[in-house]
Amino acid sequence: MSAEGTAYGFSCELKDRDFDSAITRVTEALKGEGFGVLSDIDVQATMKTKLGIDGLPYRILGACNPPLAHQALQAEPDIGLLLPCNVVVREDADGQQIVSFMDPMVIMQMTGNAEVAKVAQEVHERLQRVKASLVASTAQAQG
């Protein structure tokens, strides 16, 4: 995946941050837009424990904005199958910290529900602001 993302998500690099700092910065940036982290899956540790594979740091954060999740659930009760919004924080082979965000606009298009689409647009805008704040704070750290 490039620093820009994929068809189902968007990404950024945190050039001057170690992995633990990246997790902290991402969690704080998410909080700034009303998201909490409901789940935190340490893929690196799981692969080591279950398969004996040593990998690079990789965590999947399940981010949720409760008021927006409630709106989506009211509009379509089974939308919980597509929640929460996953945010991946990973280290690449060059030691760069990459943050990738699931794009709710892509995922929520599967429903065809106009109210869900409205919520997805709001979540998308908030996650884009999280990305922008991370990029801005990385640029300041380098300057």
C-alpha atoms as a PDB file:
ATOM      1  CA  MET A   1       0.000   0.000   0.000  1.00  0.00           C
ATOM      2  CA  SER A   2       1.289   3.447  -0.828  1.00  0.00           C
ATOM      3  CA  ALA A   3       1.294   6.320   1.630  1.00  0.00           C
ATOM      4  CA  GLU A   4      -1.868   7.539  -0.110  1.00  0.00           C
ATOM      5  CA  GLY A   5      -3.858   4.342   0.440  1.00  0.00           C
ATOM      6  CA  THR A   6      -5.956   1.837  -1.466  1.00  0.00           C
ATOM      7  CA  ALA A   7      -9.414   1.682  -3.023  1.00  0.00           C
ATOM      8  CA  TYR A   8     -10.827   0.934   0.442  1.00  0.00           C
ATOM      9  CA  GLY A   9      -8.725   3.217   2.608  1.00  0.00           C
ATOM     10  CA  PHE A  10      -6.320   6.124   2.914  1.00  0.00           C
ATOM     11  CA  SER A  11      -2.945   6.396   4.642  1.00  0.00           C
ATOM     12  CA  CYS A  12      -0.148   8.617   5.854  1.00  0.00           C
ATOM     13  CA  GLU A  13       3.398   8.211   7.156  1.00  0.00           C
ATOM     14  CA  LEU A  14       4.685   9.333  10.538  1.00  0.00           C
ATOM     15  CA  LYS A  15       8.342   9.762   9.663  1.00  0.00           C
ATOM     16  CA  ASP A  16       9.894  10.707  13.007  1.00  0.00           C
ATOM     17  CA  ARG A  17       7.921   8.495  15.363  1.00  0.00           C
ATOM     18  CA  ASP A  18       8.673   5.132  16.901  1.00  0.00           C
ATOM     19  CA  PHE A  19       5.894   2.566  16.916  1.00  0.00           C
ATOM     20  CA  ASP A  20       4.683   3.108  20.492  1.00  0.00           C
ATOM     21  CA  SER A  21       4.666   6.867  19.937  1.00  0.00           C
ATOM     22  CA  ALA A  22       2.694   6.353  16.738  1.00  0.00           C
ATOM     23  CA  ILE A  23       0.020   4.362  18.605  1.00  0.00           C
ATOM     24  CA  THR A  24      -0.236   7.124  21.205  1.00  0.00           C
ATOM     25  CA  ARG A  25      -0.402   9.899  18.595  1.00  0.00           C
ATOM     26  CA  VAL A  26      -3.049   8.077  16.543  1.00  0.00           C
ATOM     27  CA  THR A  27      -5.171   7.321  19.623  1.00  0.00           C
ATOM     28  CA  GLU A  28      -5.000  10.971  20.723  1.00  0.00           C
ATOM     29  CA  ALA A  29      -5.800  12.253  17.219  1.00  0.00           C
ATOM     30  CA  LEU A  30      -8.819   9.930  17.067  1.00  0.00           C
ATOM     31  CA  LYS A  31     -10.006  11.228  20.450  1.00  0.00           C
ATOM     32  CA  GLY A  32      -9.797  14.758  19.072  1.00  0.00           C
ATOM     33  CA  GLU A  33     -12.496  13.809  16.553  1.00  0.00           C
ATOM     34  CA  GLY A  34     -14.688  11.973  19.068  1.00  0.00           C
ATOM     35  CA  PHE A  35     -13.439   8.422  18.467  1.00  0.00           C
ATOM     36  CA  GLY A  36     -12.511   5.926  21.128  1.00  0.00           C
ATOM     37  CA  VAL A  37     -10.582   2.724  20.529  1.00  0.00           C
ATOM     38  CA  LEU A  38     -12.864  -0.221  21.312  1.00  0.00           C
ATOM     39  CA  SER A  39     -10.440  -2.919  20.249  1.00  0.00           C
ATOM     40  CA  ASP A  40      -6.698  -3.166  19.800  1.00  0.00           C
ATOM     41  CA  ILE A  41      -5.406  -6.218  17.958  1.00  0.00           C
ATOM     42  CA  ASP A  42      -1.659  -6.757  18.130  1.00  0.00           C
ATOM     43  CA  VAL A  43      -1.133  -8.669  14.888  1.00  0.00           C
ATOM     44  CA  GLN A  44       2.637  -8.957  15.430  1.00  0.00           C
ATOM     45  CA  ALA A  45       2.160 -10.653  18.828  1.00  0.00           C
ATOM     46  CA  THR A  46      -0.623 -12.910  17.529  1.00  0.00           C
ATOM     47  CA  MET A  47       1.462 -14.125  14.601  1.00  0.00           C
ATOM     48  CA  LYS A  48       4.380 -14.796  16.944  1.00  0.00           C
ATOM     49  CA  THR A  49       2.223 -16.692  19.458  1.00  0.00           C
ATOM     50  CA  LYS A  50       0.063 -18.648  17.017  1.00  0.00           C
ATOM     51  CA  LEU A  51       2.447 -19.239  14.119  1.00  0.00           C
ATOM     52  CA  GLY A  52       5.927 -18.594  15.489  1.00  0.00           C
ATOM     53  CA  ILE A  53       6.403 -15.866  12.875  1.00  0.00           C
ATOM     54  CA  ASP A  54       8.448 -12.771  13.708  1.00  0.00           C
ATOM     55  CA  GLY A  55       6.934  -9.778  11.976  1.00  0.00           C
ATOM     56  CA  LEU A  56       7.056  -6.029  12.030  1.00  0.00           C
ATOM     57  CA  PRO A  57       4.901  -4.079  14.504  1.00  0.00           C
ATOM     58  CA  TYR A  58       1.293  -4.072  13.273  1.00  0.00           C
ATOM     59  CA  ARG A  59      -1.805  -3.111  15.252  1.00  0.00           C
ATOM     60  CA  ILE A  60      -5.443  -2.835  14.226  1.00  0.00           C
ATOM     61  CA  LEU A  61      -7.356  -0.247  16.239  1.00  0.00           C
ATOM     62  CA  GLY A  62     -11.148  -0.505  16.173  1.00  0.00           C
ATOM     63  CA  ALA A  63     -12.216   3.148  16.319  1.00  0.00           C
ATOM     64  CA  CYS A  64     -15.758   4.180  17.197  1.00  0.00           C
ATOM     65  CA  ASN A  65     -17.571   7.485  17.513  1.00  0.00           C
ATOM     66  CA  PRO A  66     -20.575   6.491  19.680  1.00  0.00           C
ATOM     67  CA  PRO A  67     -23.064   9.152  18.507  1.00  0.00           C
ATOM     68  CA  LEU A  68     -22.330   8.399  14.848  1.00  0.00           C
ATOM     69  CA  ALA A  69     -22.406   4.644  15.421  1.00  0.00           C
ATOM     70  CA  HIS A  70     -25.784   5.062  17.136  1.00  0.00           C
ATOM     71  CA  GLN A  71     -27.148   7.000  14.141  1.00  0.00           C
ATOM     72  CA  ALA A  72     -25.963   4.301  11.755  1.00  0.00           C
ATOM     73  CA  LEU A  73     -27.415   1.513  13.917  1.00  0.00           C
ATOM     74  CA  GLN A  74     -30.758   3.328  14.123  1.00  0.00           C
ATOM     75  CA  ALA A  75     -30.835   3.622  10.341  1.00  0.00           C
ATOM     76  CA  GLU A  76     -29.804   0.029   9.730  1.00  0.00           C
ATOM     77  CA  PRO A  77     -29.496  -2.382  12.681  1.00  0.00           C
ATOM     78  CA  ASP A  78     -27.219  -4.846  10.887  1.00  0.00           C
ATOM     79  CA  ILE A  79     -24.671  -2.119  10.077  1.00  0.00           C
ATOM     80  CA  GLY A  80     -22.787  -3.394  13.111  1.00  0.00           C
ATOM     81  CA  LEU A  81     -21.337  -5.999  10.748  1.00  0.00           C
ATOM     82  CA  LEU A  82     -19.283  -3.162   9.234  1.00  0.00           C
ATOM     83  CA  LEU A  83     -18.322  -1.465  12.501  1.00  0.00           C
ATOM     84  CA  PRO A  84     -16.059  -0.252  14.039  1.00  0.00           C
ATOM     85  CA  CYS A  85     -13.819   1.703  11.690  1.00  0.00           C
ATOM     86  CA  ASN A  86     -10.442  -0.009  11.503  1.00  0.00           C
ATOM     87  CA  VAL A  87      -7.286   2.041  11.739  1.00  0.00           C
ATOM     88  CA  VAL A  88      -4.016   0.189  11.129  1.00  0.00           C
ATOM     89  CA  VAL A  89      -0.732   1.372  12.594  1.00  0.00           C
ATOM     90  CA  ARG A  90       2.221  -0.549  11.200  1.00  0.00           C
ATOM     91  CA  GLU A  91       5.924  -0.285  10.736  1.00  0.00           C
ATOM     92  CA  ASP A  92       7.333  -0.943   7.277  1.00  0.00           C
ATOM     93  CA  ALA A  93      10.667  -2.576   6.444  1.00  0.00           C
ATOM     94  CA  ASP A  94      12.376   0.848   6.396  1.00  0.00           C
ATOM     95  CA  GLY A  95      11.245   1.634   9.946  1.00  0.00           C
ATOM     96  CA  GLN A  96       8.587   4.125   8.847  1.00  0.00           C
ATOM     97  CA  GLN A  97       5.331   4.227  10.770  1.00  0.00           C
ATOM     98  CA  ILE A  98       2.313   3.965   8.445  1.00  0.00           C
ATOM     99  CA  VAL A  99      -1.238   4.795   9.526  1.00  0.00           C
ATOM    100  CA  SER A 100      -4.083   3.496   7.352  1.00  0.00           C
ATOM    101  CA  PHE A 101      -7.764   4.286   7.753  1.00  0.00           C
ATOM    102  CA  MET A 102     -10.688   2.249   6.501  1.00  0.00           C
ATOM    103  CA  ASP A 103     -12.740   4.510   4.223  1.00  0.00           C
ATOM    104  CA  PRO A 104     -16.311   4.366   5.539  1.00  0.00           C
ATOM    105  CA  MET A 105     -17.640   5.816   2.264  1.00  0.00           C
ATOM    106  CA  VAL A 106     -16.507   2.701   0.395  1.00  0.00           C
ATOM    107  CA  ILE A 107     -17.721   0.256   3.024  1.00  0.00           C
ATOM    108  CA  MET A 108     -21.084   1.916   3.622  1.00  0.00           C
ATOM    109  CA  GLN A 109     -21.896   2.023  -0.117  1.00  0.00           C
ATOM    110  CA  MET A 110     -22.775  -1.637   0.277  1.00  0.00           C
ATOM    111  CA  THR A 111     -25.946  -0.706   2.158  1.00  0.00           C
ATOM    112  CA  GLY A 112     -27.738   1.628  -0.243  1.00  0.00           C
ATOM    113  CA  ASN A 113     -29.231   3.363   2.820  1.00  0.00           C
ATOM    114  CA  ALA A 114     -29.215   7.179   2.485  1.00  0.00           C
ATOM    115  CA  GLU A 115     -29.079   7.771   6.244  1.00  0.00           C
ATOM    116  CA  VAL A 116     -26.118   5.408   6.611  1.00  0.00           C
ATOM    117  CA  ALA A 117     -24.421   7.206   3.708  1.00  0.00           C
ATOM    118  CA  LYS A 118     -24.829  10.514   5.565  1.00  0.00           C
ATOM    119  CA  VAL A 119     -23.186   9.049   8.661  1.00  0.00           C
ATOM    120  CA  ALA A 120     -20.420   7.511   6.547  1.00  0.00           C
ATOM    121  CA  GLN A 121     -19.702  10.919   5.002  1.00  0.00           C
ATOM    122  CA  GLU A 122     -19.359  12.457   8.474  1.00  0.00           C
ATOM    123  CA  VAL A 123     -17.063   9.655   9.653  1.00  0.00           C
ATOM    124  CA  HIS A 124     -15.000   9.978   6.467  1.00  0.00           C
ATOM    125  CA  GLU A 125     -14.542  13.724   7.045  1.00  0.00           C
ATOM    126  CA  ARG A 126     -13.519  13.165  10.669  1.00  0.00           C
ATOM    127  CA  LEU A 127     -11.004  10.454   9.768  1.00  0.00           C
ATOM    128  CA  GLN A 128      -9.561  12.708   7.066  1.00  0.00           C
ATOM    129  CA  ARG A 129      -9.089  15.385   9.755  1.00  0.00           C
ATOM    130  CA  VAL A 130      -7.342  12.808  11.963  1.00  0.00           C
ATOM    131  CA  LYS A 131      -5.021  12.013   9.053  1.00  0.00           C
ATOM    132  CA  ALA A 132      -4.388  15.720   8.429  1.00  0.00           C
ATOM    133  CA  SER A 133      -3.557  16.327  12.088  1.00  0.00           C
ATOM    134  CA  LEU A 134      -1.084  13.428  12.063  1.00  0.00           C
ATOM    135  CA  VAL A 135       0.583  14.716   8.900  1.00  0.00           C
ATOM    136  CA  ALA A 136       0.758  18.240  10.348  1.00  0.00           C
ATOM    137  CA  SER A 137       2.281  17.028  13.626  1.00  0.00           C
ATOM    138  CA  THR A 138       4.835  14.928  11.701  1.00  0.00           C
ATOM    139  CA  ALA A 139       5.796  17.962   9.599  1.00  0.00           C
ATOM    140  CA  GLN A 140       6.234  20.070  12.761  1.00  0.00           C
ATOM    141  CA  ALA A 141       8.435  17.391  14.344  1.00  0.00           C
ATOM    142  CA  GLN A 142      10.669  17.436  11.265  1.00  0.00           C
ATOM    143  CA  GLY A 143      10.836  21.234  11.073  1.00  0.00           C
END
